[in-house]
N, C-alpha and C. Protein backbone atom coordinates (compact mmCIF):
# COMPACT_ATOMS: atom_id res chain seq x y z
N UNK A 1 -7.12 13.18 -23.48
CA UNK A 1 -6.19 12.07 -23.47
C UNK A 1 -6.26 11.84 -21.88
N UNK A 2 -6.31 10.53 -21.24
CA UNK A 2 -6.28 10.35 -19.92
C UNK A 2 -5.03 10.72 -19.05
N UNK A 3 -5.21 11.13 -17.87
CA UNK A 3 -4.02 11.38 -17.19
C UNK A 3 -3.32 10.14 -16.82
N UNK A 4 -2.00 9.91 -16.83
CA UNK A 4 -1.23 8.83 -16.25
C UNK A 4 -1.47 8.55 -15.02
N UNK A 5 -1.52 7.25 -14.63
CA UNK A 5 -1.46 6.75 -13.26
C UNK A 5 -0.27 5.82 -12.92
N UNK A 6 0.19 5.62 -11.94
CA UNK A 6 1.34 4.99 -11.51
C UNK A 6 1.09 4.01 -10.51
N UNK A 7 1.31 2.66 -10.77
CA UNK A 7 1.18 1.68 -9.72
C UNK A 7 2.32 1.96 -8.64
N UNK A 8 1.77 1.84 -7.52
CA UNK A 8 2.98 1.80 -6.44
C UNK A 8 2.47 1.15 -5.19
N UNK A 9 3.32 1.05 -4.17
CA UNK A 9 3.12 0.52 -3.01
C UNK A 9 3.87 1.30 -1.89
N UNK A 10 2.95 2.11 -1.21
CA UNK A 10 3.57 3.38 -0.43
C UNK A 10 2.73 3.31 0.76
N UNK A 11 3.27 3.01 1.98
CA UNK A 11 2.56 2.98 3.23
C UNK A 11 2.07 4.42 3.58
N UNK A 12 0.83 4.54 4.15
CA UNK A 12 0.14 5.74 4.37
C UNK A 12 -0.44 5.69 5.74
N UNK A 13 -0.48 6.86 6.43
CA UNK A 13 -1.36 7.04 7.67
C UNK A 13 -2.60 7.64 7.05
N UNK A 14 -3.83 7.26 7.49
CA UNK A 14 -5.05 7.76 7.08
C UNK A 14 -5.71 8.49 8.26
N UNK A 15 -6.33 9.54 8.20
CA UNK A 15 -7.16 10.37 8.98
C UNK A 15 -8.43 10.78 8.41
N UNK A 16 -9.51 10.01 9.24
CA UNK A 16 -10.81 10.49 8.75
C UNK A 16 -11.44 11.50 9.94
N UNK A 17 -12.64 11.90 9.90
CA UNK A 17 -13.03 12.77 10.95
C UNK A 17 -13.23 11.87 12.27
N UNK A 18 -13.63 10.76 12.34
CA UNK A 18 -13.56 9.96 13.64
C UNK A 18 -12.81 8.66 13.52
N UNK A 19 -11.86 8.64 12.75
CA UNK A 19 -11.01 7.30 12.67
C UNK A 19 -9.70 7.68 11.93
N UNK A 20 -8.88 6.77 12.46
CA UNK A 20 -7.57 6.85 11.97
C UNK A 20 -7.01 5.32 11.60
N UNK A 21 -6.08 5.14 10.71
CA UNK A 21 -5.62 3.94 10.41
C UNK A 21 -4.47 4.04 9.45
N UNK A 22 -4.00 2.86 8.88
CA UNK A 22 -3.12 2.74 8.10
C UNK A 22 -3.55 2.13 6.71
N UNK A 23 -2.77 2.35 5.71
CA UNK A 23 -3.00 1.55 4.37
C UNK A 23 -1.73 1.54 3.43
N UNK A 24 -2.08 1.28 2.33
CA UNK A 24 -0.94 1.33 1.27
C UNK A 24 -1.63 1.98 -0.12
N UNK A 25 -0.92 3.04 -0.40
CA UNK A 25 -1.44 3.55 -1.78
C UNK A 25 -0.94 2.69 -2.79
N UNK A 26 -1.90 2.32 -3.65
CA UNK A 26 -1.79 1.29 -4.55
C UNK A 26 -1.47 2.01 -6.04
N UNK A 27 -1.99 3.15 -6.21
CA UNK A 27 -1.65 3.91 -7.50
C UNK A 27 -1.99 5.35 -7.37
N UNK A 28 -1.32 6.09 -8.09
CA UNK A 28 -1.52 7.67 -7.85
C UNK A 28 -1.56 8.04 -9.34
N UNK A 29 -2.11 9.32 -9.24
CA UNK A 29 -2.26 10.37 -10.53
C UNK A 29 -2.25 11.48 -10.17
N UNK A 30 -2.53 12.53 -10.97
CA UNK A 30 -2.58 13.91 -10.76
C UNK A 30 -3.91 14.24 -9.87
N UNK A 31 -4.94 13.58 -10.32
CA UNK A 31 -6.36 13.84 -9.66
C UNK A 31 -6.69 13.00 -8.44
N UNK A 32 -5.91 11.83 -8.02
CA UNK A 32 -6.41 10.97 -6.94
C UNK A 32 -5.38 9.84 -6.78
N UNK A 33 -5.88 9.11 -5.67
CA UNK A 33 -5.15 7.94 -5.45
C UNK A 33 -6.13 6.76 -5.03
N UNK A 34 -5.60 5.64 -5.11
CA UNK A 34 -6.42 4.35 -4.60
C UNK A 34 -5.55 3.84 -3.28
N UNK A 35 -6.07 3.83 -2.38
CA UNK A 35 -5.79 3.16 -1.05
C UNK A 35 -6.33 2.00 -0.69
N UNK A 36 -5.39 0.88 -0.50
CA UNK A 36 -5.83 -0.39 0.23
C UNK A 36 -5.72 -0.31 1.63
N UNK A 37 -6.76 -0.70 2.29
CA UNK A 37 -7.04 -0.49 3.74
C UNK A 37 -8.05 -1.11 4.41
N UNK A 38 -8.11 -1.70 5.45
CA UNK A 38 -9.47 -2.00 6.07
C UNK A 38 -9.98 -0.63 6.79
N UNK A 39 -9.34 0.37 6.90
CA UNK A 39 -9.97 1.65 7.36
C UNK A 39 -10.60 2.40 6.29
N UNK A 40 -11.93 2.43 6.03
CA UNK A 40 -12.66 3.18 5.11
C UNK A 40 -13.85 3.89 5.58
N UNK A 41 -13.77 4.89 5.10
CA UNK A 41 -14.93 5.88 5.35
C UNK A 41 -16.07 5.65 4.49
N UNK A 42 -16.86 6.68 4.37
CA UNK A 42 -18.02 6.62 3.47
C UNK A 42 -17.63 7.45 2.39
N UNK A 43 -18.39 7.19 1.15
CA UNK A 43 -18.20 8.11 -0.15
C UNK A 43 -18.69 9.41 0.33
N UNK A 44 -17.78 10.41 0.19
CA UNK A 44 -18.01 11.91 0.32
C UNK A 44 -17.29 12.30 1.52
N UNK A 45 -16.78 11.38 2.43
CA UNK A 45 -16.00 11.78 3.48
C UNK A 45 -14.82 12.48 3.21
N UNK A 46 -14.21 13.31 4.04
CA UNK A 46 -13.06 14.01 3.84
C UNK A 46 -12.01 13.20 4.58
N UNK A 47 -10.79 12.82 3.66
CA UNK A 47 -9.68 11.99 4.26
C UNK A 47 -8.47 12.88 4.19
N UNK A 48 -7.42 12.56 4.97
CA UNK A 48 -6.06 13.18 5.02
C UNK A 48 -5.26 11.82 4.89
N UNK A 49 -4.29 11.98 3.95
CA UNK A 49 -3.32 10.98 3.76
C UNK A 49 -1.83 11.54 4.10
N UNK A 50 -0.99 10.69 4.85
CA UNK A 50 0.21 11.29 5.00
C UNK A 50 1.34 10.11 4.97
N UNK A 51 2.17 10.47 4.08
CA UNK A 51 3.14 9.46 3.66
C UNK A 51 4.58 9.98 3.31
N UNK A 52 5.69 8.93 3.12
CA UNK A 52 6.82 9.47 2.90
C UNK A 52 7.11 9.59 1.38
N UNK A 53 7.67 10.69 0.82
CA UNK A 53 8.00 10.82 -0.51
C UNK A 53 9.24 10.06 -1.00
N UNK A 54 9.76 10.14 -2.07
CA UNK A 54 10.83 9.38 -2.65
C UNK A 54 12.16 9.95 -2.18
N UNK A 55 12.32 11.31 -1.65
CA UNK A 55 13.25 11.73 -1.22
C UNK A 55 13.39 11.90 0.49
N UNK A 56 12.34 11.18 1.10
CA UNK A 56 12.35 11.07 2.49
C UNK A 56 11.49 12.19 3.09
N UNK A 57 10.94 13.16 2.07
CA UNK A 57 10.16 14.14 2.61
C UNK A 57 8.74 13.81 3.08
N UNK A 58 7.96 14.45 3.92
CA UNK A 58 6.44 14.01 4.25
C UNK A 58 5.67 14.57 3.13
N UNK A 59 4.79 13.85 2.74
CA UNK A 59 3.72 14.09 1.70
C UNK A 59 2.32 13.97 2.41
N UNK A 60 1.67 15.22 2.12
CA UNK A 60 0.10 15.13 2.76
C UNK A 60 -0.65 15.69 1.70
N UNK A 61 -1.60 14.86 1.65
CA UNK A 61 -2.67 15.14 0.62
C UNK A 61 -4.21 15.13 1.27
N UNK A 62 -5.02 15.98 0.90
CA UNK A 62 -6.37 16.08 1.49
C UNK A 62 -7.30 15.76 0.21
N UNK A 63 -8.44 14.92 0.54
CA UNK A 63 -9.24 14.57 -0.38
C UNK A 63 -10.59 14.05 -0.02
N UNK A 64 -11.35 13.62 -0.89
CA UNK A 64 -12.87 13.35 -0.59
C UNK A 64 -12.70 11.61 -1.19
N UNK A 65 -13.19 10.84 -0.38
CA UNK A 65 -13.47 9.43 -0.75
C UNK A 65 -14.47 9.56 -1.64
N UNK A 66 -14.23 9.08 -2.98
CA UNK A 66 -15.07 9.10 -4.20
C UNK A 66 -15.59 7.87 -4.34
N UNK A 67 -15.03 6.51 -3.98
CA UNK A 67 -15.68 5.34 -4.06
C UNK A 67 -14.88 4.50 -3.03
N UNK A 68 -15.75 3.47 -2.65
CA UNK A 68 -15.09 2.38 -1.83
C UNK A 68 -15.20 1.08 -2.41
N UNK A 69 -14.41 0.12 -1.96
CA UNK A 69 -14.33 -1.22 -2.57
C UNK A 69 -14.18 -1.99 -1.37
N UNK A 70 -15.07 -3.02 -0.76
CA UNK A 70 -15.04 -3.62 0.30
C UNK A 70 -14.39 -4.99 -0.09
N UNK A 71 -14.54 -5.61 -1.12
CA UNK A 71 -13.73 -6.94 -1.43
C UNK A 71 -13.08 -6.78 -2.86
N UNK A 72 -11.76 -6.59 -2.84
CA UNK A 72 -11.00 -6.72 -4.04
C UNK A 72 -10.81 -8.02 -4.59
N UNK A 73 -11.66 -8.30 -5.27
CA UNK A 73 -11.45 -9.79 -6.15
C UNK A 73 -11.64 -11.11 -5.34
N UNK A 74 -12.31 -10.83 -4.05
CA UNK A 74 -12.55 -12.11 -3.27
C UNK A 74 -11.55 -12.78 -2.93
N UNK A 75 -10.35 -12.06 -2.65
CA UNK A 75 -9.10 -12.79 -2.31
C UNK A 75 -8.83 -12.92 -0.88
N UNK A 76 -9.79 -12.77 0.03
CA UNK A 76 -9.83 -12.95 1.41
C UNK A 76 -10.20 -11.71 2.20
N UNK A 77 -10.12 -11.88 3.39
CA UNK A 77 -10.60 -10.94 4.41
C UNK A 77 -9.76 -9.77 4.35
N UNK A 78 -10.03 -8.48 4.55
CA UNK A 78 -9.17 -7.39 4.90
C UNK A 78 -8.73 -6.81 3.65
N UNK A 79 -9.21 -7.21 2.33
CA UNK A 79 -8.72 -6.63 1.13
C UNK A 79 -9.59 -5.49 0.70
N UNK A 80 -9.52 -4.49 1.36
CA UNK A 80 -10.51 -3.29 1.15
C UNK A 80 -9.73 -2.06 0.59
N UNK A 81 -10.57 -1.32 0.06
CA UNK A 81 -9.81 0.25 -0.12
C UNK A 81 -10.82 1.10 -0.60
N UNK A 82 -10.22 2.22 -1.11
CA UNK A 82 -11.19 3.44 -1.52
C UNK A 82 -10.29 4.23 -2.45
N UNK A 83 -11.10 4.89 -3.37
CA UNK A 83 -10.46 5.78 -4.15
C UNK A 83 -10.63 7.27 -3.55
N UNK A 84 -9.66 8.20 -3.82
CA UNK A 84 -9.66 9.57 -3.25
C UNK A 84 -9.51 10.64 -4.58
N UNK A 85 -10.46 11.46 -4.45
CA UNK A 85 -10.28 12.68 -5.47
C UNK A 85 -9.74 13.71 -4.63
N UNK A 86 -8.46 14.10 -5.05
CA UNK A 86 -7.64 15.11 -4.27
C UNK A 86 -8.30 16.45 -4.35
N UNK A 87 -8.37 17.17 -3.22
CA UNK A 87 -8.77 18.66 -3.22
C UNK A 87 -7.61 19.51 -2.78
N UNK A 88 -6.57 19.03 -2.21
CA UNK A 88 -5.47 19.78 -1.91
C UNK A 88 -4.30 18.89 -1.79
N UNK A 89 -3.15 19.29 -2.49
CA UNK A 89 -1.81 18.73 -2.36
C UNK A 89 -0.70 19.54 -2.16
N UNK A 90 0.36 18.77 -1.59
CA UNK A 90 1.53 19.71 -1.47
C UNK A 90 2.49 19.70 -2.61
N UNK A 91 3.20 20.58 -2.61
CA UNK A 91 4.45 20.57 -3.62
C UNK A 91 5.23 19.19 -3.67
N UNK A 92 5.30 18.56 -2.48
CA UNK A 92 5.80 17.18 -2.23
C UNK A 92 5.16 16.25 -3.12
N UNK A 93 3.83 16.23 -3.13
CA UNK A 93 3.08 15.26 -3.95
C UNK A 93 3.34 15.52 -5.39
N UNK A 94 3.46 16.79 -5.99
CA UNK A 94 3.87 16.96 -7.28
C UNK A 94 5.24 16.38 -7.50
N UNK A 95 6.32 16.71 -6.63
CA UNK A 95 7.34 16.04 -6.76
C UNK A 95 7.39 14.48 -6.96
N UNK A 96 6.73 13.80 -6.12
CA UNK A 96 6.26 12.42 -6.25
C UNK A 96 5.79 12.09 -7.59
N UNK A 97 4.99 12.74 -8.06
CA UNK A 97 4.33 12.38 -9.45
C UNK A 97 5.63 12.59 -10.48
N UNK A 98 6.34 13.70 -10.34
CA UNK A 98 7.31 14.00 -11.40
C UNK A 98 8.41 12.75 -11.28
N UNK A 99 8.84 12.31 -9.96
CA UNK A 99 9.72 11.33 -9.74
C UNK A 99 9.23 9.97 -10.46
N UNK A 100 7.96 9.66 -10.20
CA UNK A 100 7.32 8.51 -10.80
C UNK A 100 7.29 8.57 -12.23
N UNK A 101 7.19 9.57 -12.80
CA UNK A 101 7.08 9.66 -14.36
C UNK A 101 8.37 9.77 -15.08
N UNK A 102 9.56 10.12 -14.33
CA UNK A 102 10.77 10.05 -14.87
C UNK A 102 11.31 8.52 -14.90
N UNK A 103 11.68 8.01 -15.98
CA UNK A 103 12.20 6.54 -16.12
C UNK A 103 13.30 6.03 -15.23
N UNK A 104 14.13 6.98 -14.69
CA UNK A 104 15.39 6.59 -14.18
C UNK A 104 14.95 6.52 -12.66
N UNK A 105 13.77 7.18 -12.12
CA UNK A 105 13.29 6.83 -10.83
C UNK A 105 11.97 6.02 -10.78
N UNK A 106 11.44 5.60 -11.87
CA UNK A 106 10.23 4.81 -11.66
C UNK A 106 10.68 3.37 -11.48
N UNK A 107 10.05 2.81 -10.38
CA UNK A 107 10.09 1.41 -9.91
C UNK A 107 8.85 0.85 -10.23
N UNK A 108 7.99 1.35 -10.91
CA UNK A 108 6.57 0.74 -11.14
C UNK A 108 6.19 1.17 -12.46
N UNK A 109 5.31 0.39 -12.98
CA UNK A 109 5.00 0.68 -14.26
C UNK A 109 3.81 1.55 -14.44
N UNK A 110 3.68 2.34 -15.66
CA UNK A 110 2.74 3.48 -15.78
C UNK A 110 1.42 2.65 -16.51
N UNK A 111 0.34 3.24 -16.04
CA UNK A 111 -0.87 2.61 -16.95
C UNK A 111 -1.76 3.94 -17.11
N UNK A 112 -2.45 3.81 -18.27
CA UNK A 112 -3.58 4.72 -18.43
C UNK A 112 -4.77 4.74 -17.58
N UNK A 113 -5.41 5.76 -17.18
CA UNK A 113 -6.53 5.83 -16.36
C UNK A 113 -7.65 5.17 -17.40
N UNK A 114 -8.54 4.53 -16.56
CA UNK A 114 -9.69 3.84 -17.33
C UNK A 114 -10.69 5.06 -17.40
């Protein structure tokens, strides 16, 4: 059974080895996230994402850029992003997933992973 993924819009700070930037997390799941950003590393690069969780707590995850997308649907310049496979996540990230999966807290819709 595929793991659930949740569509989101969460501002995040992005830290690569030689570059930093900002973006928005467009969906999350137990194994990874998709980040829309013009700051994109290379497939295989380690990336650190820092963002605010549902309770205002700092959430930090570390992962590997699994794939990149330089043009999301041809809707104009700057619509780029990347998928991250998580290597380490905080308890706050698990709390975020729990909050998103609870109907009372969910403000976005759930979809199955493809």
